[in-house]
Protein backbone atom coordinates (compact mmCIF):
# COMPACT_ATOMS: atom_id res chain seq x y z
CA UNK A 1 114.15 99.24 102.81
CA UNK A 2 114.37 102.83 101.55
CA UNK A 3 112.44 105.32 103.66
CA UNK A 4 112.93 108.94 104.72
CA UNK A 5 113.64 108.07 108.33
CA UNK A 6 116.50 108.33 110.81
CA UNK A 7 115.60 105.20 112.75
CA UNK A 8 112.51 103.00 113.09
CA UNK A 9 112.36 103.87 116.78
CA UNK A 10 112.10 107.62 116.24
CA UNK A 11 110.00 107.82 113.10
CA UNK A 12 106.70 108.53 114.89
CA UNK A 13 108.01 111.06 117.40
CA UNK A 14 109.95 113.00 114.77
CA UNK A 15 107.00 112.97 112.38
CA UNK A 16 104.62 114.27 115.06
CA UNK A 17 106.95 117.18 115.87
CA UNK A 18 107.09 118.09 112.20
CA UNK A 19 103.32 117.80 111.81
CA UNK A 20 102.66 120.05 114.80
CA UNK A 21 105.14 122.64 113.53
CA UNK A 22 103.64 122.65 110.04
CA UNK A 23 100.10 123.11 111.37
CA UNK A 24 100.75 125.14 114.51
CA UNK A 25 97.80 127.43 113.79
CA UNK A 26 95.46 124.43 114.09
CA UNK A 27 96.97 121.88 116.50
CA UNK A 28 99.17 121.43 119.55
CA UNK A 29 101.27 118.33 120.24
CA UNK A 30 101.16 117.07 123.81
CA UNK A 31 104.65 117.56 125.31
CA UNK A 32 104.85 113.81 125.97
CA UNK A 33 103.71 113.00 122.43
CA UNK A 34 100.61 111.17 123.66
CA UNK A 35 98.09 113.06 121.52
CA UNK A 36 97.56 115.90 119.09
CA UNK A 37 94.82 118.32 120.16
CA UNK A 38 92.92 121.19 118.70
CA UNK A 39 94.70 124.46 119.49
CA UNK A 40 91.56 126.25 120.68
CA UNK A 41 89.03 123.91 122.32
CA UNK A 42 85.48 125.28 122.55
CA UNK A 43 83.98 125.49 126.00
CA UNK A 44 80.76 123.52 126.38
CA UNK A 45 81.22 121.48 123.20
CA UNK A 46 81.35 117.67 123.26
CA UNK A 47 84.94 116.64 122.56
CA UNK A 48 85.53 114.14 119.75
CA UNK A 49 88.57 111.91 120.25
CA UNK A 50 89.88 109.25 117.92
CA UNK A 51 93.15 107.49 117.26
CA UNK A 52 94.84 104.33 116.14
CA UNK A 53 98.11 103.06 114.84
CA UNK A 54 100.22 105.45 112.81
CA UNK A 55 100.96 104.83 109.14
CA UNK A 56 97.45 105.81 107.98
CA UNK A 57 98.07 109.56 107.79
CA UNK A 58 96.39 111.93 107.48
CA UNK A 59 93.99 109.75 109.53
CA UNK A 60 93.61 110.69 112.45
CA UNK A 61 95.88 113.59 113.35
CA UNK A 62 95.16 115.32 110.06
CA UNK A 63 91.49 115.56 111.02
CA UNK A 64 92.02 117.47 114.27
CA UNK A 65 90.60 120.98 114.14
CA UNK A 66 87.41 122.96 113.66
CA UNK A 67 84.55 120.78 112.45
CA UNK A 68 86.15 117.40 113.14
CA UNK A 69 88.22 115.99 116.00
CA UNK A 70 89.32 117.70 119.18
CA UNK A 71 92.15 115.22 119.74
CA UNK A 72 93.78 112.19 118.14
CA UNK A 73 95.96 109.59 119.83
CA UNK A 74 98.65 108.09 117.56
CA UNK A 75 100.04 104.66 118.33
CA UNK A 76 103.24 103.27 116.88
CA UNK A 77 103.00 102.18 113.25
CA UNK A 78 100.00 99.83 112.87
CA UNK A 79 99.83 99.51 116.67
CA UNK A 80 96.97 100.70 118.85
CA UNK A 81 97.54 103.66 121.16
CA UNK A 82 97.41 102.90 124.86
CA UNK A 83 94.62 103.77 127.33
CA UNK A 84 96.77 106.38 129.08
CA UNK A 85 96.95 108.31 125.81
CA UNK A 86 93.15 108.45 125.50
CA UNK A 87 92.74 109.43 129.15
CA UNK A 88 95.29 112.23 128.79
CA UNK A 89 93.58 113.45 125.62
CA UNK A 90 90.16 113.49 127.30
CA UNK A 91 91.52 115.42 130.24
CA UNK A 92 93.03 117.98 127.86
CA UNK A 93 90.02 118.63 125.61
CA UNK A 94 86.85 117.84 127.59
CA UNK A 95 85.44 121.24 128.57
CA UNK A 96 82.47 119.82 130.44
CA UNK A 97 80.10 118.38 127.83
CA UNK A 98 81.69 114.94 127.71
CA UNK A 99 83.77 112.98 125.21
CA UNK A 100 82.83 110.85 122.23
CA UNK A 101 85.39 108.23 121.23
CA UNK A 102 85.41 107.31 117.52
CA UNK A 103 87.06 103.90 117.22
CA UNK A 104 87.82 101.75 114.18
CA UNK A 105 86.86 98.10 114.66
CA UNK A 106 90.26 96.56 115.34
CA UNK A 107 90.72 94.48 118.47
CA UNK A 108 93.55 96.56 119.95
CA UNK A 109 91.79 99.87 119.34
CA UNK A 110 88.45 98.65 120.67
CA UNK A 111 90.03 97.10 123.77
CA UNK A 112 92.22 100.08 124.65
CA UNK A 113 89.55 102.71 124.10
CA UNK A 114 87.16 100.61 126.20
CA UNK A 115 89.74 100.37 128.98
CA UNK A 116 90.25 104.13 128.85
CA UNK A 117 86.50 104.74 129.08
CA UNK A 118 86.33 102.49 132.16
CA UNK A 119 89.40 103.98 133.86
CA UNK A 120 88.69 107.66 133.29
CA UNK A 121 87.10 109.61 136.12
CA UNK A 122 85.20 112.86 136.03
CA UNK A 123 84.36 112.65 132.33
CA UNK A 124 81.23 111.37 130.61
CA UNK A 125 82.40 109.15 127.73
CA UNK A 126 80.55 107.35 124.96
CA UNK A 127 81.94 105.37 122.04
CA UNK A 128 81.18 104.83 118.35
CA UNK A 129 82.81 101.84 116.65
CA UNK A 130 83.11 102.05 112.85
CA UNK A 131 82.90 98.88 110.75
CA UNK A 132 82.33 99.95 107.15
CA UNK A 133 84.54 97.40 105.34
CA UNK A 134 82.44 94.92 103.33
CA UNK A 135 85.43 92.89 102.15
CA UNK A 136 85.46 90.32 104.96
CA UNK A 137 83.36 89.53 108.02
CA UNK A 138 86.43 89.04 110.24
CA UNK A 139 90.13 89.63 109.76
CA UNK A 140 93.59 89.32 111.27
CA UNK A 141 93.04 92.20 113.70
CA UNK A 142 89.26 92.36 114.00
CA UNK A 143 86.23 90.48 115.20
CA UNK A 144 83.56 91.48 112.75
CA UNK A 145 83.98 93.95 109.93
CA UNK A 146 86.92 96.33 109.92
CA UNK A 147 86.68 100.08 110.32
CA UNK A 148 88.40 101.75 107.37
CA UNK A 149 87.97 104.91 105.29
CA UNK A 150 84.32 105.34 106.26
CA UNK A 151 85.63 106.49 109.64
CA UNK A 152 86.40 109.81 107.94
CA UNK A 153 82.71 110.29 107.15
CA UNK A 154 81.76 109.69 110.77
CA UNK A 155 84.40 112.09 112.07
CA UNK A 156 83.43 114.85 109.62
CA UNK A 157 79.65 114.67 109.98
CA UNK A 158 79.62 114.14 113.75
CA UNK A 159 82.29 116.80 114.14
CA UNK A 160 80.07 119.31 112.33
CA UNK A 161 77.14 118.44 114.57
CA UNK A 162 79.33 118.86 117.66
CA UNK A 163 80.21 122.39 116.50
CA UNK A 164 76.46 123.11 116.47
CA UNK A 165 76.27 122.22 120.15
CA UNK A 166 74.50 118.84 120.05
CA UNK A 167 74.77 116.79 123.20
CA UNK A 168 76.69 113.58 123.70
CA UNK A 169 73.76 111.19 123.24
CA UNK A 170 72.65 112.91 120.04
CA UNK A 171 76.17 112.79 118.60
CA UNK A 172 76.51 109.10 119.45
CA UNK A 173 73.23 108.34 117.67
CA UNK A 174 74.28 110.40 114.66
CA UNK A 175 77.60 108.58 114.43
CA UNK A 176 75.87 105.21 114.51
CA UNK A 177 73.55 106.36 111.73
CA UNK A 178 76.40 107.56 109.51
CA UNK A 179 78.29 104.30 110.05
CA UNK A 180 75.18 102.29 109.14
CA UNK A 181 74.85 104.26 105.87
CA UNK A 182 78.51 103.80 104.87
CA UNK A 183 80.32 100.95 103.12
CA UNK A 184 83.92 100.60 101.89
CA UNK A 185 86.24 98.15 100.18
CA UNK A 186 89.85 98.39 99.06
CA UNK A 187 92.47 96.73 96.87
CA UNK A 188 96.26 96.57 96.96
CA UNK A 189 98.58 96.52 93.97
CA UNK A 190 101.69 96.40 96.19
CA UNK A 191 102.46 95.74 99.82
CA UNK A 192 103.77 98.22 102.38
CA UNK A 193 106.78 98.06 104.67
CA UNK A 194 106.52 98.77 108.38
CA UNK A 195 109.77 100.54 109.37
CA UNK A 196 110.39 98.29 112.38
CA UNK A 197 109.95 95.17 110.22
CA UNK A 198 112.17 96.34 107.36
CA UNK A 199 110.49 94.13 104.79
CA UNK A 200 107.13 94.07 102.98
CA UNK A 201 104.13 92.92 105.00
CA UNK A 202 103.15 90.56 102.16
CA UNK A 203 104.37 89.80 98.66
CA UNK A 204 102.50 90.17 95.39
CA UNK A 205 103.87 89.04 92.06
CA UNK A 206 103.82 91.46 89.13
CA UNK A 207 100.51 90.07 87.85
CA UNK A 208 98.71 89.82 91.23
CA UNK A 209 96.60 92.10 93.42
CA UNK A 210 94.83 91.72 96.79
CA UNK A 211 91.08 92.19 96.51
CA UNK A 212 89.58 93.50 99.76
CA UNK A 213 92.87 94.30 101.51
CA UNK A 214 92.82 95.81 105.00
CA UNK A 215 94.57 99.07 105.89
CA UNK A 216 97.32 97.17 107.73
CA UNK A 217 97.91 94.84 104.80
CA UNK A 218 95.57 92.16 106.17
CA UNK A 219 94.34 89.60 103.64
CA UNK A 220 91.21 90.48 101.74
CA UNK A 221 88.67 88.33 99.96
CA UNK A 222 91.22 86.69 97.72
CA UNK A 223 94.43 87.08 95.76
CA UNK A 224 93.57 87.65 92.10
CA UNK A 225 95.25 88.29 88.77
CA UNK A 226 95.72 91.96 87.94
CA UNK A 227 92.72 93.44 86.14
CA UNK A 228 91.62 96.71 84.54
CA UNK A 229 90.44 99.69 86.55
CA UNK A 230 86.88 99.20 85.29
CA UNK A 231 86.92 95.58 86.41
CA UNK A 232 88.30 96.52 89.83
CA UNK A 233 85.65 99.19 90.27
CA UNK A 234 82.93 96.77 89.19
CA UNK A 235 83.87 94.20 91.82
CA UNK A 236 84.23 96.77 94.60
CA UNK A 237 81.01 98.58 93.75
CA UNK A 238 79.08 95.33 93.38
CA UNK A 239 80.07 94.35 96.93
CA UNK A 240 79.27 97.80 98.34
CA UNK A 241 75.90 98.17 96.64
CA UNK A 242 74.80 94.63 97.42
CA UNK A 243 75.46 95.23 101.11
CA UNK A 244 74.18 98.80 101.27
CA UNK A 245 71.03 98.06 99.22
CA UNK A 246 70.27 101.72 98.53
CA UNK A 247 66.85 102.70 97.14
CA UNK A 248 66.96 104.01 93.57
CA UNK A 249 67.28 107.77 93.50
CA UNK A 250 69.29 107.93 96.72
CA UNK A 251 71.87 110.68 97.04
CA UNK A 252 75.37 109.62 98.01
CA UNK A 253 78.88 110.74 98.78
CA UNK A 254 81.71 108.98 96.90
CA UNK A 255 85.18 108.77 98.43
CA UNK A 256 87.96 107.34 96.30
CA UNK A 257 90.84 107.01 98.73
CA UNK A 258 94.48 106.40 97.87
CA UNK A 259 96.38 103.88 99.98
CA UNK A 260 99.55 105.99 99.97
CA UNK A 261 101.35 105.13 96.75
CA UNK A 262 98.77 105.75 94.02
CA UNK A 263 98.95 108.83 91.74
CA UNK A 264 96.05 111.27 91.73
CA UNK A 265 95.54 110.63 88.01
CA UNK A 266 94.69 107.00 88.73
CA UNK A 267 92.42 107.91 91.64
CA UNK A 268 90.38 110.24 89.43
CA UNK A 269 90.16 107.51 86.82
CA UNK A 270 88.64 105.33 89.53
CA UNK A 271 86.22 108.15 90.40
CA UNK A 272 85.02 108.04 86.81
CA UNK A 273 84.62 104.27 86.89
CA UNK A 274 82.81 104.25 90.24
CA UNK A 275 80.48 107.11 89.33
CA UNK A 276 79.38 105.38 86.13
CA UNK A 277 78.43 102.35 88.21
CA UNK A 278 76.54 104.48 90.72
CA UNK A 279 74.71 106.17 87.84
CA UNK A 280 73.79 102.78 86.42
CA UNK A 281 72.43 101.74 89.82
CA UNK A 282 70.17 104.78 89.91
CA UNK A 283 72.08 106.68 92.60
CA UNK A 284 72.85 110.39 92.49
CA UNK A 285 76.45 111.16 93.46
CA UNK A 286 76.11 114.66 94.90
CA UNK A 287 79.43 114.94 96.75
CA UNK A 288 82.92 113.66 96.03
CA UNK A 289 86.16 113.36 97.98
CA UNK A 290 89.29 112.12 96.23
CA UNK A 291 92.81 111.72 97.58
CA UNK A 292 95.00 109.88 100.08
CA UNK A 293 93.13 110.23 103.37
CA UNK A 294 93.27 106.78 105.02
CA UNK A 295 96.55 105.27 103.91
CA UNK A 296 98.68 102.21 104.49
CA UNK A 297 102.17 103.71 104.39
CA UNK A 298 103.40 103.48 100.77
CA UNK A 299 100.96 100.82 99.56
CA UNK A 300 99.77 101.23 95.97
CA UNK A 301 96.04 100.74 95.64
CA UNK A 302 92.80 102.41 96.60
CA UNK A 303 89.57 102.02 98.46
CA UNK A 304 86.09 103.19 97.54
CA UNK A 305 83.57 104.38 100.11
CA UNK A 306 79.91 105.21 99.55
CA UNK A 307 77.80 107.02 102.15
CA UNK A 308 74.07 107.46 101.63
CA UNK A 309 73.08 111.05 102.33
CA UNK A 310 69.90 112.76 103.41
CA UNK A 311 69.33 116.50 103.82
CA UNK A 312 70.77 116.57 107.32
CA UNK A 313 73.88 114.55 106.51
CA UNK A 314 74.52 116.56 103.36
CA UNK A 315 74.29 119.82 105.31
CA UNK A 316 76.67 118.53 107.98
CA UNK A 317 79.13 117.26 105.35
CA UNK A 318 79.11 120.72 103.74
CA UNK A 319 79.58 122.51 107.07
CA UNK A 320 82.83 124.41 107.61
CA UNK A 321 85.94 122.39 108.45
CA UNK A 322 89.51 123.51 109.08
CA UNK A 323 92.03 120.74 109.69
CA UNK A 324 95.40 119.84 108.21
CA UNK A 325 93.80 117.46 105.69
CA UNK A 326 90.30 118.84 105.09
CA UNK A 327 89.46 122.52 104.68
CA UNK A 328 86.39 124.17 103.25
CA UNK A 329 83.92 126.86 104.24
CA UNK A 330 86.09 128.17 107.08
């Protein structure tokens, strides 16, 4: 195993200190390392809190700031954060309007955020669970569909609405609506190595790929022979569009997300392939996001996410955001 680390035990804590130093104008790291919070919380605004296992950066800590999250709770690599982290985060950033938890559909995350919501006192808490992955109906770490890169869409759009002053119930309903209009699917060309394990999570031969892989390296739909980018895009987009069933003429947002080890040149090639398929399906791709946003350590591969937009969702997507990973209009 070759990684830029000092020890598996300290990789998360040292990385968080570096992240907070590099983005000190945006975020503050809790002295105990339990969460990263927005440097300047807004009084009277609903606080958005998310989190999950580390190794998916910039998700979630990279989305803390104006227009997105108020706090993110990082667990150890591919391990859910604990309820005390969420409670501490809520106590730090809830200024009186309540907290909205944004939770990916993995059993550990769902259980621990639910425990935190039950244990917390003096704070009004509601929860959105994201489950945008069409690859499988259940997986190693989830009951039901997994929450993957579509979580970014929920955090961005709901975060923009929170900045406008919407109340907790309205933000919860908006998050559910965005999740319902979002579908994702990913592939892996290589595995990833969790530092504490010291060896790849799974093994692919030179001519194999994992179709429908999860962001922790969970099995997908099937192990297949390596294929061209156009063929990969065709299978992913077929699954997304079949499940989403968008009316012809719908406007959409296309996210091509790198898993951590894929060059930008290849991601933009996949943008081209996916957009041609959306065009052929009669959809209008009016917004794009391309890059490594929801990763799986150093895994080579990508995921594609499509979100159906309307005028409100498009306006909220375009609204100002200023975080470590996303910045526009601010």
